Amino acid sequence: MKIRSHLHIDARRQRQLSRAMQVVLVGLVFIGLDRGNLGIVVNALVGLGVTYLPALLERDYRIPMDAGLTLWISTAAFLHALGTVGFPGSETSFYAGVWWWDHLTHALSSSVVAAAGYATVRAVDEHTADIYLPPRFMFVFILLFVLAFGVFWEVIEFAISGVASLAGTASVLTQYGLDDTLLDLVFDAVGGVIVAIWGTAHLSDVVGALQKRLESTSR
């Protein structure tokens, strides 16, 4: 079974786009090394790893990943890593120089987190009769889940920035202040709303695959 997706893209085009992203991410690693910027290197390597995650989930765990879903996950990781670099020849990153970049990446990344949370909880709900989550509650759950993760992420950013400042080194993640944190949470919620509206109808195959794995492990 394959996930029905509104992203009308075939597998061949998805592979081409994913390979292009991976090539760029490898290039970003070398840019980070050339600049001596640990943040660029780490974020590019993490992004590169995430682009291989859908294929790993489908091959090793038999979780169905169609072209649209794979591209969605890869794009979220790619844009985040790209945001740490910026325009060629410039030391100003997209995050610092393009006002909407942080909002875009937060909405996109939070939608991936929301989708993972929704699929997992829905699979548990379908797996056991001891748990029942009404459809209306799922909308609320997705928002609460993604906001909780967003707060957790902001705490991580703050902690990493604080440790880097004390150590006198560049931070892998950057905290821009309270106003930026509040805006990040707003766009995290936007990503959650997208999944709450779209995901409940188009992640059913992923939910089914996770439910089957729960059944197989509980025997």
N, C-alpha and C. Protein backbone atom coordinates (compact mmCIF):
# COMPACT_ATOMS: atom_id res chain seq x y z
N MET A 1 0.84 -1.20 0.00
CA MET A 1 0.00 0.00 0.00
C MET A 1 0.88 1.24 0.00
N LYS A 2 0.37 2.27 -0.62
CA LYS A 2 1.10 3.53 -0.66
C LYS A 2 0.22 4.65 -0.13
N ILE A 3 0.85 5.65 0.45
CA ILE A 3 0.13 6.76 1.03
C ILE A 3 -0.41 7.65 -0.08
N ARG A 4 -1.68 8.00 0.03
CA ARG A 4 -2.25 8.93 -0.93
C ARG A 4 -1.76 10.33 -0.58
N SER A 5 -1.19 11.02 -1.51
CA SER A 5 -0.55 12.30 -1.23
C SER A 5 -1.00 13.36 -2.20
N HIS A 6 -1.11 14.59 -1.71
CA HIS A 6 -1.44 15.72 -2.57
C HIS A 6 -0.21 16.23 -3.31
N LEU A 7 0.98 15.72 -2.95
CA LEU A 7 2.18 16.11 -3.65
C LEU A 7 2.31 15.24 -4.89
N HIS A 8 1.87 15.76 -6.03
CA HIS A 8 1.83 14.98 -7.25
C HIS A 8 3.22 14.91 -7.86
N ILE A 9 3.99 13.92 -7.42
CA ILE A 9 5.34 13.76 -7.92
C ILE A 9 5.62 12.26 -8.01
N ASP A 10 6.26 11.84 -9.08
CA ASP A 10 6.52 10.42 -9.22
C ASP A 10 7.83 10.06 -8.52
N ALA A 11 8.05 8.76 -8.35
CA ALA A 11 9.21 8.29 -7.60
C ALA A 11 10.53 8.69 -8.27
N ARG A 12 10.54 8.67 -9.59
CA ARG A 12 11.77 9.01 -10.32
C ARG A 12 12.17 10.45 -10.07
N ARG A 13 11.21 11.37 -10.16
CA ARG A 13 11.51 12.79 -9.91
C ARG A 13 11.89 13.01 -8.45
N GLN A 14 11.24 12.30 -7.54
CA GLN A 14 11.58 12.43 -6.13
C GLN A 14 13.02 12.01 -5.88
N ARG A 15 13.44 10.89 -6.50
CA ARG A 15 14.82 10.43 -6.32
C ARG A 15 15.81 11.45 -6.86
N GLN A 16 15.48 12.06 -8.01
CA GLN A 16 16.36 13.07 -8.58
C GLN A 16 16.51 14.27 -7.64
N LEU A 17 15.39 14.73 -7.10
CA LEU A 17 15.42 15.88 -6.20
C LEU A 17 16.15 15.53 -4.90
N SER A 18 15.91 14.33 -4.39
CA SER A 18 16.58 13.91 -3.16
C SER A 18 18.09 13.81 -3.36
N ARG A 19 18.51 13.26 -4.51
CA ARG A 19 19.95 13.16 -4.80
C ARG A 19 20.56 14.55 -4.92
N ALA A 20 19.84 15.48 -5.54
CA ALA A 20 20.34 16.86 -5.66
C ALA A 20 20.53 17.48 -4.28
N MET A 21 19.56 17.27 -3.39
CA MET A 21 19.68 17.79 -2.03
C MET A 21 20.88 17.18 -1.32
N GLN A 22 21.08 15.87 -1.49
CA GLN A 22 22.20 15.21 -0.84
C GLN A 22 23.55 15.74 -1.34
N VAL A 23 23.64 16.01 -2.64
CA VAL A 23 24.87 16.57 -3.20
C VAL A 23 25.14 17.95 -2.60
N VAL A 24 24.08 18.77 -2.51
CA VAL A 24 24.23 20.11 -1.93
C VAL A 24 24.65 20.00 -0.47
N LEU A 25 24.04 19.07 0.27
CA LEU A 25 24.37 18.92 1.69
C LEU A 25 25.83 18.50 1.89
N VAL A 26 26.32 17.62 1.02
CA VAL A 26 27.74 17.26 1.08
C VAL A 26 28.59 18.50 0.82
N GLY A 27 28.16 19.31 -0.14
CA GLY A 27 28.87 20.56 -0.42
C GLY A 27 28.87 21.49 0.78
N LEU A 28 27.75 21.52 1.52
CA LEU A 28 27.66 22.37 2.71
C LEU A 28 28.63 21.91 3.79
N VAL A 29 28.84 20.60 3.88
CA VAL A 29 29.82 20.09 4.85
C VAL A 29 31.20 20.65 4.55
N PHE A 30 31.58 20.65 3.28
CA PHE A 30 32.89 21.18 2.90
C PHE A 30 32.95 22.70 3.09
N ILE A 31 31.84 23.39 2.86
CA ILE A 31 31.81 24.83 3.11
C ILE A 31 32.03 25.10 4.59
N GLY A 32 31.35 24.32 5.43
CA GLY A 32 31.53 24.49 6.86
C GLY A 32 32.95 24.21 7.31
N LEU A 33 33.55 23.18 6.73
CA LEU A 33 34.94 22.87 7.07
C LEU A 33 35.87 23.99 6.62
N ASP A 34 35.62 24.54 5.43
CA ASP A 34 36.45 25.61 4.91
C ASP A 34 36.35 26.87 5.77
N ARG A 35 35.16 27.13 6.28
CA ARG A 35 34.95 28.31 7.12
C ARG A 35 35.30 28.06 8.57
N GLY A 36 35.52 26.79 8.92
CA GLY A 36 35.74 26.46 10.32
C GLY A 36 34.49 26.64 11.15
N ASN A 37 33.35 26.42 10.53
CA ASN A 37 32.05 26.63 11.18
C ASN A 37 31.44 25.27 11.54
N LEU A 38 31.52 24.92 12.82
CA LEU A 38 31.01 23.63 13.27
C LEU A 38 29.51 23.51 13.08
N GLY A 39 28.79 24.63 13.24
CA GLY A 39 27.34 24.61 13.10
C GLY A 39 26.91 24.16 11.71
N ILE A 40 27.56 24.69 10.69
CA ILE A 40 27.23 24.30 9.31
C ILE A 40 27.52 22.82 9.10
N VAL A 41 28.67 22.37 9.58
CA VAL A 41 29.06 20.97 9.38
C VAL A 41 28.06 20.03 10.04
N VAL A 42 27.74 20.28 11.31
CA VAL A 42 26.85 19.40 12.05
C VAL A 42 25.45 19.39 11.44
N ASN A 43 24.92 20.57 11.15
CA ASN A 43 23.56 20.64 10.60
C ASN A 43 23.48 20.00 9.21
N ALA A 44 24.53 20.15 8.41
CA ALA A 44 24.55 19.53 7.08
C ALA A 44 24.62 18.01 7.20
N LEU A 45 25.43 17.51 8.12
CA LEU A 45 25.54 16.06 8.30
C LEU A 45 24.24 15.46 8.83
N VAL A 46 23.62 16.15 9.77
CA VAL A 46 22.32 15.68 10.29
C VAL A 46 21.28 15.69 9.18
N GLY A 47 21.24 16.78 8.40
CA GLY A 47 20.31 16.85 7.28
C GLY A 47 20.54 15.75 6.28
N LEU A 48 21.80 15.46 6.00
CA LEU A 48 22.14 14.38 5.07
C LEU A 48 21.63 13.04 5.59
N GLY A 49 21.79 12.81 6.88
CA GLY A 49 21.31 11.57 7.46
C GLY A 49 19.80 11.45 7.37
N VAL A 50 19.10 12.55 7.58
CA VAL A 50 17.63 12.54 7.53
C VAL A 50 17.13 12.22 6.12
N THR A 51 17.84 12.66 5.09
CA THR A 51 17.40 12.38 3.72
C THR A 51 17.43 10.88 3.41
N TYR A 52 18.24 10.12 4.15
CA TYR A 52 18.28 8.67 3.97
C TYR A 52 17.28 7.94 4.87
N LEU A 53 16.67 8.65 5.80
CA LEU A 53 15.77 8.03 6.76
C LEU A 53 14.54 7.37 6.13
N PRO A 54 13.84 8.03 5.18
CA PRO A 54 12.66 7.37 4.60
C PRO A 54 12.97 6.03 3.96
N ALA A 55 14.08 5.94 3.21
CA ALA A 55 14.45 4.67 2.58
C ALA A 55 14.76 3.62 3.63
N LEU A 56 15.39 4.02 4.74
CA LEU A 56 15.71 3.10 5.83
C LEU A 56 14.44 2.57 6.49
N LEU A 57 13.47 3.46 6.73
CA LEU A 57 12.22 3.05 7.35
C LEU A 57 11.45 2.08 6.46
N GLU A 58 11.48 2.34 5.15
CA GLU A 58 10.75 1.48 4.24
C GLU A 58 11.45 0.13 4.07
N ARG A 59 12.77 0.13 3.99
CA ARG A 59 13.51 -1.11 3.75
C ARG A 59 13.57 -1.99 4.99
N ASP A 60 13.89 -1.40 6.14
CA ASP A 60 14.13 -2.20 7.34
C ASP A 60 12.89 -2.41 8.21
N TYR A 61 11.95 -1.46 8.14
CA TYR A 61 10.78 -1.54 9.01
C TYR A 61 9.46 -1.67 8.24
N ARG A 62 9.57 -1.70 6.91
CA ARG A 62 8.40 -1.88 6.04
C ARG A 62 7.32 -0.85 6.28
N ILE A 63 7.74 0.38 6.55
CA ILE A 63 6.81 1.49 6.68
C ILE A 63 6.69 2.15 5.31
N PRO A 64 5.51 2.18 4.72
CA PRO A 64 5.37 2.67 3.34
C PRO A 64 5.67 4.16 3.23
N MET A 65 6.52 4.51 2.29
CA MET A 65 6.91 5.89 2.05
C MET A 65 6.73 6.20 0.57
N ASP A 66 5.75 7.02 0.24
CA ASP A 66 5.60 7.38 -1.17
C ASP A 66 6.51 8.56 -1.49
N ALA A 67 6.54 8.94 -2.75
CA ALA A 67 7.46 10.00 -3.20
C ALA A 67 7.19 11.33 -2.50
N GLY A 68 5.91 11.66 -2.33
CA GLY A 68 5.57 12.94 -1.71
C GLY A 68 6.00 13.01 -0.26
N LEU A 69 5.75 11.95 0.49
CA LEU A 69 6.13 11.92 1.90
C LEU A 69 7.64 11.95 2.06
N THR A 70 8.35 11.19 1.23
CA THR A 70 9.81 11.18 1.28
C THR A 70 10.38 12.56 0.99
N LEU A 71 9.84 13.23 -0.02
CA LEU A 71 10.33 14.56 -0.38
C LEU A 71 10.01 15.57 0.72
N TRP A 72 8.88 15.42 1.36
CA TRP A 72 8.47 16.30 2.47
C TRP A 72 9.50 16.23 3.60
N ILE A 73 9.87 15.03 4.01
CA ILE A 73 10.83 14.86 5.09
C ILE A 73 12.21 15.38 4.68
N SER A 74 12.64 15.04 3.47
CA SER A 74 13.96 15.46 3.00
C SER A 74 14.07 16.97 2.87
N THR A 75 13.00 17.60 2.38
CA THR A 75 13.01 19.05 2.19
C THR A 75 13.12 19.78 3.52
N ALA A 76 12.43 19.28 4.54
CA ALA A 76 12.50 19.91 5.86
C ALA A 76 13.93 19.92 6.38
N ALA A 77 14.62 18.78 6.26
CA ALA A 77 16.01 18.69 6.73
C ALA A 77 16.94 19.54 5.87
N PHE A 78 16.71 19.53 4.56
CA PHE A 78 17.56 20.26 3.63
C PHE A 78 17.49 21.76 3.86
N LEU A 79 16.27 22.30 3.99
CA LEU A 79 16.12 23.75 4.15
C LEU A 79 16.69 24.23 5.48
N HIS A 80 16.58 23.40 6.52
CA HIS A 80 17.18 23.78 7.79
C HIS A 80 18.70 23.88 7.67
N ALA A 81 19.31 22.87 7.06
CA ALA A 81 20.77 22.89 6.91
C ALA A 81 21.21 24.04 6.00
N LEU A 82 20.48 24.24 4.91
CA LEU A 82 20.83 25.32 3.99
C LEU A 82 20.72 26.69 4.67
N GLY A 83 19.79 26.81 5.60
CA GLY A 83 19.60 28.09 6.29
C GLY A 83 20.78 28.51 7.13
N THR A 84 21.66 27.57 7.50
CA THR A 84 22.82 27.92 8.31
C THR A 84 23.94 28.51 7.47
N VAL A 85 23.81 28.45 6.14
CA VAL A 85 24.89 28.93 5.26
C VAL A 85 24.54 30.29 4.67
N GLY A 86 23.61 30.34 3.72
CA GLY A 86 23.25 31.61 3.11
C GLY A 86 23.74 31.74 1.69
N PHE A 87 23.72 32.98 1.20
CA PHE A 87 24.09 33.25 -0.18
C PHE A 87 25.59 33.01 -0.41
N PRO A 88 25.96 32.55 -1.61
CA PRO A 88 27.37 32.33 -1.93
C PRO A 88 28.19 33.61 -1.73
N GLY A 89 29.33 33.46 -1.09
CA GLY A 89 30.21 34.60 -0.87
C GLY A 89 29.83 35.48 0.30
N SER A 90 28.75 35.11 1.00
CA SER A 90 28.30 35.91 2.13
C SER A 90 28.45 35.12 3.42
N GLU A 91 28.84 35.81 4.49
CA GLU A 91 28.95 35.17 5.79
C GLU A 91 27.63 35.21 6.55
N THR A 92 26.62 35.87 5.98
CA THR A 92 25.31 35.98 6.62
C THR A 92 24.44 34.81 6.20
N SER A 93 23.95 34.06 7.17
CA SER A 93 23.13 32.90 6.87
C SER A 93 21.73 33.31 6.45
N PHE A 94 21.02 32.38 5.83
CA PHE A 94 19.62 32.64 5.50
C PHE A 94 18.80 32.89 6.76
N TYR A 95 19.13 32.18 7.84
CA TYR A 95 18.40 32.38 9.09
C TYR A 95 18.54 33.82 9.59
N ALA A 96 19.73 34.38 9.42
CA ALA A 96 19.97 35.74 9.90
C ALA A 96 19.58 36.80 8.88
N GLY A 97 19.65 36.48 7.59
CA GLY A 97 19.44 37.49 6.56
C GLY A 97 18.09 37.46 5.86
N VAL A 98 17.34 36.37 5.97
CA VAL A 98 16.03 36.26 5.32
C VAL A 98 14.98 36.10 6.42
N TRP A 99 14.13 37.10 6.59
CA TRP A 99 13.26 37.15 7.76
C TRP A 99 12.28 35.99 7.85
N TRP A 100 11.88 35.44 6.71
CA TRP A 100 10.87 34.38 6.74
C TRP A 100 11.47 32.98 6.76
N TRP A 101 12.78 32.84 6.64
CA TRP A 101 13.38 31.52 6.53
C TRP A 101 13.14 30.68 7.79
N ASP A 102 13.34 31.27 8.94
CA ASP A 102 13.14 30.56 10.21
C ASP A 102 11.70 30.11 10.36
N HIS A 103 10.74 30.97 9.94
CA HIS A 103 9.32 30.62 10.03
C HIS A 103 8.99 29.43 9.12
N LEU A 104 9.54 29.46 7.90
CA LEU A 104 9.30 28.38 6.95
C LEU A 104 9.83 27.05 7.47
N THR A 105 11.07 27.06 7.94
CA THR A 105 11.68 25.80 8.38
C THR A 105 11.00 25.27 9.64
N HIS A 106 10.58 26.16 10.53
CA HIS A 106 9.89 25.70 11.73
C HIS A 106 8.54 25.08 11.38
N ALA A 107 7.79 25.71 10.49
CA ALA A 107 6.50 25.15 10.10
C ALA A 107 6.67 23.80 9.42
N LEU A 108 7.67 23.70 8.55
CA LEU A 108 7.88 22.46 7.81
C LEU A 108 8.39 21.35 8.73
N SER A 109 9.38 21.67 9.55
CA SER A 109 9.94 20.66 10.46
C SER A 109 8.91 20.21 11.49
N SER A 110 8.13 21.15 12.02
CA SER A 110 7.13 20.78 13.02
C SER A 110 6.03 19.92 12.41
N SER A 111 5.75 20.11 11.13
CA SER A 111 4.74 19.27 10.48
C SER A 111 5.23 17.83 10.39
N VAL A 112 6.54 17.64 10.18
CA VAL A 112 7.10 16.29 10.16
C VAL A 112 7.01 15.66 11.55
N VAL A 113 7.35 16.44 12.59
CA VAL A 113 7.26 15.96 13.97
C VAL A 113 5.82 15.61 14.31
N ALA A 114 4.88 16.49 13.92
CA ALA A 114 3.46 16.25 14.19
C ALA A 114 2.98 14.98 13.51
N ALA A 115 3.43 14.76 12.28
CA ALA A 115 3.03 13.56 11.54
C ALA A 115 3.54 12.30 12.23
N ALA A 116 4.79 12.34 12.71
CA ALA A 116 5.34 11.19 13.42
C ALA A 116 4.58 10.92 14.71
N GLY A 117 4.25 11.98 15.45
CA GLY A 117 3.49 11.81 16.68
C GLY A 117 2.10 11.28 16.43
N TYR A 118 1.44 11.84 15.40
CA TYR A 118 0.09 11.39 15.08
C TYR A 118 0.08 9.92 14.67
N ALA A 119 0.97 9.54 13.76
CA ALA A 119 1.00 8.16 13.26
C ALA A 119 1.26 7.17 14.40
N THR A 120 2.18 7.51 15.30
CA THR A 120 2.51 6.62 16.40
C THR A 120 1.34 6.44 17.36
N VAL A 121 0.74 7.55 17.78
CA VAL A 121 -0.36 7.48 18.75
C VAL A 121 -1.59 6.83 18.13
N ARG A 122 -1.85 7.14 16.87
CA ARG A 122 -2.99 6.52 16.21
C ARG A 122 -2.79 5.01 16.08
N ALA A 123 -1.56 4.58 15.81
CA ALA A 123 -1.28 3.15 15.71
C ALA A 123 -1.50 2.46 17.06
N VAL A 124 -1.07 3.09 18.15
CA VAL A 124 -1.29 2.54 19.48
C VAL A 124 -2.78 2.48 19.78
N ASP A 125 -3.51 3.52 19.40
CA ASP A 125 -4.95 3.56 19.60
C ASP A 125 -5.64 2.41 18.87
N GLU A 126 -5.20 2.13 17.63
CA GLU A 126 -5.80 1.06 16.85
C GLU A 126 -5.37 -0.32 17.36
N HIS A 127 -4.20 -0.35 17.99
CA HIS A 127 -3.63 -1.64 18.40
C HIS A 127 -4.30 -2.21 19.64
N THR A 128 -4.62 -1.35 20.59
CA THR A 128 -5.16 -1.84 21.85
C THR A 128 -6.53 -1.24 22.15
N ALA A 129 -7.39 -2.08 22.71
CA ALA A 129 -8.74 -1.63 23.08
C ALA A 129 -8.73 -0.84 24.38
N ASP A 130 -7.62 -0.88 25.11
CA ASP A 130 -7.52 -0.16 26.37
C ASP A 130 -7.39 1.34 26.17
N ILE A 131 -7.04 1.74 24.97
CA ILE A 131 -6.87 3.17 24.67
C ILE A 131 -7.84 3.57 23.58
N TYR A 132 -8.59 4.64 23.81
CA TYR A 132 -9.50 5.15 22.79
C TYR A 132 -9.35 6.67 22.71
N LEU A 133 -8.98 7.13 21.54
CA LEU A 133 -8.81 8.56 21.31
C LEU A 133 -9.82 9.01 20.26
N PRO A 134 -10.83 9.79 20.66
CA PRO A 134 -11.83 10.26 19.70
C PRO A 134 -11.19 11.09 18.60
N PRO A 135 -11.73 11.06 17.39
CA PRO A 135 -11.15 11.82 16.27
C PRO A 135 -10.96 13.30 16.59
N ARG A 136 -11.92 13.89 17.31
CA ARG A 136 -11.78 15.31 17.62
C ARG A 136 -10.61 15.57 18.56
N PHE A 137 -10.35 14.61 19.44
CA PHE A 137 -9.23 14.78 20.36
C PHE A 137 -7.90 14.73 19.63
N MET A 138 -7.83 13.98 18.52
CA MET A 138 -6.58 13.85 17.78
C MET A 138 -6.08 15.22 17.30
N PHE A 139 -7.01 16.08 16.90
CA PHE A 139 -6.63 17.43 16.46
C PHE A 139 -5.93 18.16 17.61
N VAL A 140 -6.54 18.09 18.80
CA VAL A 140 -5.96 18.75 19.97
C VAL A 140 -4.63 18.10 20.34
N PHE A 141 -4.57 16.78 20.28
CA PHE A 141 -3.34 16.08 20.62
C PHE A 141 -2.18 16.50 19.72
N ILE A 142 -2.44 16.57 18.42
CA ILE A 142 -1.37 16.94 17.48
C ILE A 142 -0.81 18.31 17.83
N LEU A 143 -1.70 19.26 18.11
CA LEU A 143 -1.24 20.62 18.46
C LEU A 143 -0.43 20.60 19.75
N LEU A 144 -0.94 19.89 20.77
CA LEU A 144 -0.23 19.83 22.04
C LEU A 144 1.11 19.14 21.89
N PHE A 145 1.14 18.07 21.11
CA PHE A 145 2.38 17.32 20.90
C PHE A 145 3.44 18.17 20.22
N VAL A 146 3.05 18.85 19.15
CA VAL A 146 4.03 19.63 18.40
C VAL A 146 4.49 20.85 19.19
N LEU A 147 3.60 21.44 19.99
CA LEU A 147 4.01 22.59 20.81
C LEU A 147 4.93 22.13 21.94
N ALA A 148 4.64 20.97 22.52
CA ALA A 148 5.52 20.44 23.57
C ALA A 148 6.91 20.16 23.01
N PHE A 149 6.95 19.56 21.81
CA PHE A 149 8.24 19.31 21.18
C PHE A 149 8.93 20.63 20.84
N GLY A 150 8.14 21.63 20.40
CA GLY A 150 8.72 22.93 20.08
C GLY A 150 9.36 23.58 21.29
N VAL A 151 8.69 23.51 22.44
CA VAL A 151 9.26 24.06 23.67
C VAL A 151 10.55 23.31 24.03
N PHE A 152 10.51 21.98 23.91
CA PHE A 152 11.69 21.16 24.20
C PHE A 152 12.86 21.57 23.30
N TRP A 153 12.56 21.81 22.01
CA TRP A 153 13.61 22.21 21.06
C TRP A 153 14.18 23.57 21.42
N GLU A 154 13.32 24.51 21.82
CA GLU A 154 13.80 25.84 22.19
C GLU A 154 14.70 25.77 23.42
N VAL A 155 14.36 24.89 24.36
CA VAL A 155 15.20 24.69 25.55
C VAL A 155 16.57 24.15 25.14
N ILE A 156 16.56 23.20 24.19
CA ILE A 156 17.83 22.64 23.70
C ILE A 156 18.67 23.75 23.04
N GLU A 157 18.03 24.57 22.20
CA GLU A 157 18.75 25.68 21.55
C GLU A 157 19.36 26.61 22.59
N PHE A 158 18.57 26.95 23.61
CA PHE A 158 19.05 27.85 24.66
C PHE A 158 20.23 27.23 25.40
N ALA A 159 20.11 25.95 25.74
CA ALA A 159 21.17 25.28 26.49
C ALA A 159 22.46 25.18 25.67
N ILE A 160 22.33 24.80 24.40
CA ILE A 160 23.51 24.67 23.55
C ILE A 160 24.18 26.03 23.33
N SER A 161 23.35 27.06 23.11
CA SER A 161 23.91 28.41 22.94
C SER A 161 24.62 28.87 24.20
N GLY A 162 24.02 28.56 25.38
CA GLY A 162 24.63 28.95 26.64
C GLY A 162 25.95 28.26 26.88
N VAL A 163 26.00 26.96 26.62
CA VAL A 163 27.24 26.20 26.81
C VAL A 163 28.33 26.69 25.85
N ALA A 164 27.93 26.96 24.59
CA ALA A 164 28.90 27.45 23.61
C ALA A 164 29.45 28.81 24.02
N SER A 165 28.56 29.66 24.57
CA SER A 165 29.00 30.99 25.01
C SER A 165 29.99 30.88 26.16
N LEU A 166 29.72 29.99 27.11
CA LEU A 166 30.63 29.81 28.24
C LEU A 166 31.97 29.22 27.80
N ALA A 167 31.90 28.36 26.77
CA ALA A 167 33.12 27.72 26.29
C ALA A 167 33.89 28.61 25.31
N GLY A 168 33.25 29.70 24.87
CA GLY A 168 33.90 30.60 23.93
C GLY A 168 33.98 30.04 22.52
N THR A 169 33.04 29.17 22.17
CA THR A 169 33.02 28.58 20.83
C THR A 169 31.72 28.93 20.12
N ALA A 170 31.69 28.68 18.82
CA ALA A 170 30.47 28.92 18.04
C ALA A 170 29.43 27.87 18.38
N SER A 171 28.15 28.27 18.39
CA SER A 171 27.07 27.37 18.73
C SER A 171 26.55 26.64 17.50
N VAL A 172 26.24 25.36 17.68
CA VAL A 172 25.66 24.58 16.60
C VAL A 172 24.23 25.04 16.31
N LEU A 173 23.49 25.41 17.36
CA LEU A 173 22.15 25.95 17.23
C LEU A 173 22.14 27.36 17.83
N THR A 174 21.31 28.24 17.26
CA THR A 174 21.32 29.64 17.68
C THR A 174 19.99 30.03 18.29
N GLN A 175 20.04 30.72 19.42
CA GLN A 175 18.85 31.25 20.08
C GLN A 175 18.86 32.76 19.88
N TYR A 176 17.78 33.30 19.25
CA TYR A 176 17.74 34.72 18.90
C TYR A 176 16.95 35.57 19.88
N GLY A 177 16.46 35.01 20.96
CA GLY A 177 15.76 35.80 21.95
C GLY A 177 14.32 35.35 22.15
N LEU A 178 13.64 35.96 23.13
CA LEU A 178 12.30 35.55 23.52
C LEU A 178 11.28 35.76 22.40
N ASP A 179 11.35 36.93 21.73
CA ASP A 179 10.39 37.20 20.65
C ASP A 179 10.51 36.15 19.55
N ASP A 180 11.74 35.78 19.21
CA ASP A 180 11.96 34.77 18.18
C ASP A 180 11.42 33.42 18.64
N THR A 181 11.59 33.11 19.92
CA THR A 181 11.09 31.84 20.46
C THR A 181 9.58 31.76 20.35
N LEU A 182 8.89 32.85 20.70
CA LEU A 182 7.43 32.87 20.61
C LEU A 182 6.96 32.73 19.17
N LEU A 183 7.64 33.39 18.24
CA LEU A 183 7.28 33.24 16.83
C LEU A 183 7.53 31.82 16.35
N ASP A 184 8.63 31.22 16.81
CA ASP A 184 8.91 29.83 16.45
C ASP A 184 7.76 28.92 16.87
N LEU A 185 7.24 29.13 18.07
CA LEU A 185 6.14 28.30 18.58
C LEU A 185 4.87 28.53 17.77
N VAL A 186 4.66 29.77 17.34
CA VAL A 186 3.49 30.06 16.49
C VAL A 186 3.56 29.26 15.20
N PHE A 187 4.73 29.25 14.57
CA PHE A 187 4.86 28.52 13.30
C PHE A 187 4.97 27.01 13.52
N ASP A 188 5.40 26.60 14.72
CA ASP A 188 5.29 25.19 15.07
C ASP A 188 3.82 24.78 15.06
N ALA A 189 2.98 25.64 15.64
CA ALA A 189 1.54 25.37 15.67
C ALA A 189 0.95 25.32 14.26
N VAL A 190 1.45 26.18 13.38
CA VAL A 190 1.00 26.15 11.98
C VAL A 190 1.28 24.79 11.36
N GLY A 191 2.48 24.29 11.58
CA GLY A 191 2.82 22.96 11.07
C GLY A 191 1.93 21.89 11.65
N GLY A 192 1.60 22.01 12.94
CA GLY A 192 0.70 21.06 13.58
C GLY A 192 -0.69 21.09 12.99
N VAL A 193 -1.19 22.30 12.71
CA VAL A 193 -2.53 22.44 12.11
C VAL A 193 -2.56 21.80 10.73
N ILE A 194 -1.49 21.98 9.95
CA ILE A 194 -1.42 21.37 8.61
C ILE A 194 -1.59 19.86 8.70
N VAL A 195 -0.88 19.25 9.65
CA VAL A 195 -0.97 17.80 9.80
C VAL A 195 -2.33 17.39 10.37
N ALA A 196 -2.86 18.18 11.31
CA ALA A 196 -4.16 17.87 11.89
C ALA A 196 -5.26 17.85 10.83
N ILE A 197 -5.13 18.71 9.83
CA ILE A 197 -6.13 18.78 8.76
C ILE A 197 -5.84 17.75 7.67
N TRP A 198 -4.56 17.63 7.28
CA TRP A 198 -4.17 16.80 6.15
C TRP A 198 -3.77 15.39 6.53
N GLY A 199 -3.06 15.27 7.66
CA GLY A 199 -2.45 13.99 8.00
C GLY A 199 -3.42 12.91 8.37
N THR A 200 -4.53 13.25 9.03
CA THR A 200 -5.47 12.23 9.48
C THR A 200 -6.06 11.45 8.30
N ALA A 201 -6.08 12.05 7.13
CA ALA A 201 -6.64 11.37 5.96
C ALA A 201 -5.57 10.74 5.08
N HIS A 202 -4.32 11.15 5.22
CA HIS A 202 -3.29 10.73 4.27
C HIS A 202 -2.09 10.03 4.90
N LEU A 203 -2.19 9.70 6.18
CA LEU A 203 -1.14 8.92 6.81
C LEU A 203 -1.65 7.56 7.27
N SER A 204 -2.78 7.16 6.72
CA SER A 204 -3.42 5.92 7.16
C SER A 204 -2.55 4.70 6.89
N ASP A 205 -1.80 4.69 5.80
CA ASP A 205 -0.96 3.53 5.50
C ASP A 205 0.21 3.41 6.46
N VAL A 206 0.77 4.55 6.86
CA VAL A 206 1.84 4.54 7.86
C VAL A 206 1.29 4.03 9.20
N VAL A 207 0.11 4.52 9.57
CA VAL A 207 -0.53 4.05 10.80
C VAL A 207 -0.74 2.54 10.74
N GLY A 208 -1.23 2.04 9.61
CA GLY A 208 -1.44 0.61 9.46
C GLY A 208 -0.17 -0.20 9.59
N ALA A 209 0.91 0.30 9.01
CA ALA A 209 2.19 -0.41 9.09
C ALA A 209 2.71 -0.44 10.53
N LEU A 210 2.59 0.69 11.25
CA LEU A 210 3.02 0.73 12.65
C LEU A 210 2.17 -0.18 13.51
N GLN A 211 0.86 -0.24 13.22
CA GLN A 211 -0.02 -1.12 13.98
C GLN A 211 0.38 -2.59 13.80
N LYS A 212 0.72 -2.97 12.58
CA LYS A 212 1.14 -4.35 12.32
C LYS A 212 2.43 -4.69 13.07
N ARG A 213 3.35 -3.71 13.15
CA ARG A 213 4.59 -3.96 13.89
C ARG A 213 4.31 -4.12 15.38
N LEU A 214 3.37 -3.34 15.90
CA LEU A 214 3.00 -3.50 17.31
C LEU A 214 2.37 -4.86 17.56
N GLU A 215 1.57 -5.32 16.63
CA GLU A 215 0.94 -6.63 16.78
C GLU A 215 1.97 -7.75 16.73
N SER A 216 2.95 -7.61 15.83
CA SER A 216 3.96 -8.65 15.70
C SER A 216 4.88 -8.72 16.92
N THR A 217 5.17 -7.57 17.53
CA THR A 217 6.06 -7.55 18.69
C THR A 217 5.36 -7.96 19.97
N SER A 218 4.02 -7.89 20.00
CA SER A 218 3.29 -8.23 21.22
C SER A 218 2.88 -9.70 21.27
N ARG A 219 3.17 -10.44 20.20
CA ARG A 219 2.81 -11.86 20.20
C ARG A 219 3.79 -12.69 21.03
